[in-house]
Amino acid sequence: MRGMSKAALSVAREALAVGQAALPPYGSRFSRHNYTHTKSC
């Protein structure tokens, strides 16, 4: 399996950054936040 090219990887990183800046981390303030903290066992 071949990885992505450097250009495609940079485009993907830029798209991720733009999406994270534009959208809230959760769809609603009442969303469950199960995966935000690590378990401390």
Protein backbone atom coordinates (compact mmCIF):
# COMPACT_ATOMS: atom_id res chain seq x y z
CA MET A 1 0.00 0.00 0.00
CA ARG A 2 1.44 3.36 -1.02
CA GLY A 3 1.21 6.45 1.18
CA MET A 4 0.01 9.83 0.05
CA SER A 5 2.30 12.19 -1.83
CA LYS A 6 3.70 15.23 -0.08
CA ALA A 7 1.34 17.56 -1.93
CA ALA A 8 -1.73 15.50 -1.05
CA LEU A 9 -0.60 15.26 2.56
CA SER A 10 -0.18 19.02 2.84
CA VAL A 11 -3.63 19.58 1.32
CA ALA A 12 -5.13 17.11 3.80
CA ARG A 13 -3.42 18.82 6.73
CA GLU A 14 -4.61 22.23 5.58
CA ALA A 15 -8.18 20.95 5.16
CA LEU A 16 -8.09 19.47 8.66
CA ALA A 17 -6.87 22.76 10.14
CA VAL A 18 -9.56 24.76 8.33
CA GLY A 19 -12.27 22.33 9.41
CA GLN A 20 -11.16 22.37 13.04
CA ALA A 21 -11.11 26.17 13.05
CA ALA A 22 -14.55 26.49 11.42
CA LEU A 23 -16.50 23.78 13.24
CA PRO A 24 -17.09 23.22 16.95
CA PRO A 25 -15.56 20.05 18.41
CA TYR A 26 -19.04 18.69 19.21
CA GLY A 27 -22.29 19.16 17.33
CA SER A 28 -24.21 20.17 20.42
CA ARG A 29 -23.27 21.35 23.89
CA PHE A 30 -25.28 18.39 25.17
CA SER A 31 -23.17 15.86 23.24
CA ARG A 32 -21.54 13.09 25.22
CA HIS A 33 -17.83 13.70 25.72
CA ASN A 34 -16.74 10.10 26.26
CA TYR A 35 -13.42 10.24 24.49
CA THR A 36 -11.93 13.53 25.72
CA HIS A 37 -10.06 12.19 28.77
CA THR A 38 -7.81 9.19 29.17
CA LYS A 39 -8.76 6.54 31.69
CA SER A 40 -6.74 6.69 34.88
CA CYS A 41 -6.63 3.06 35.97
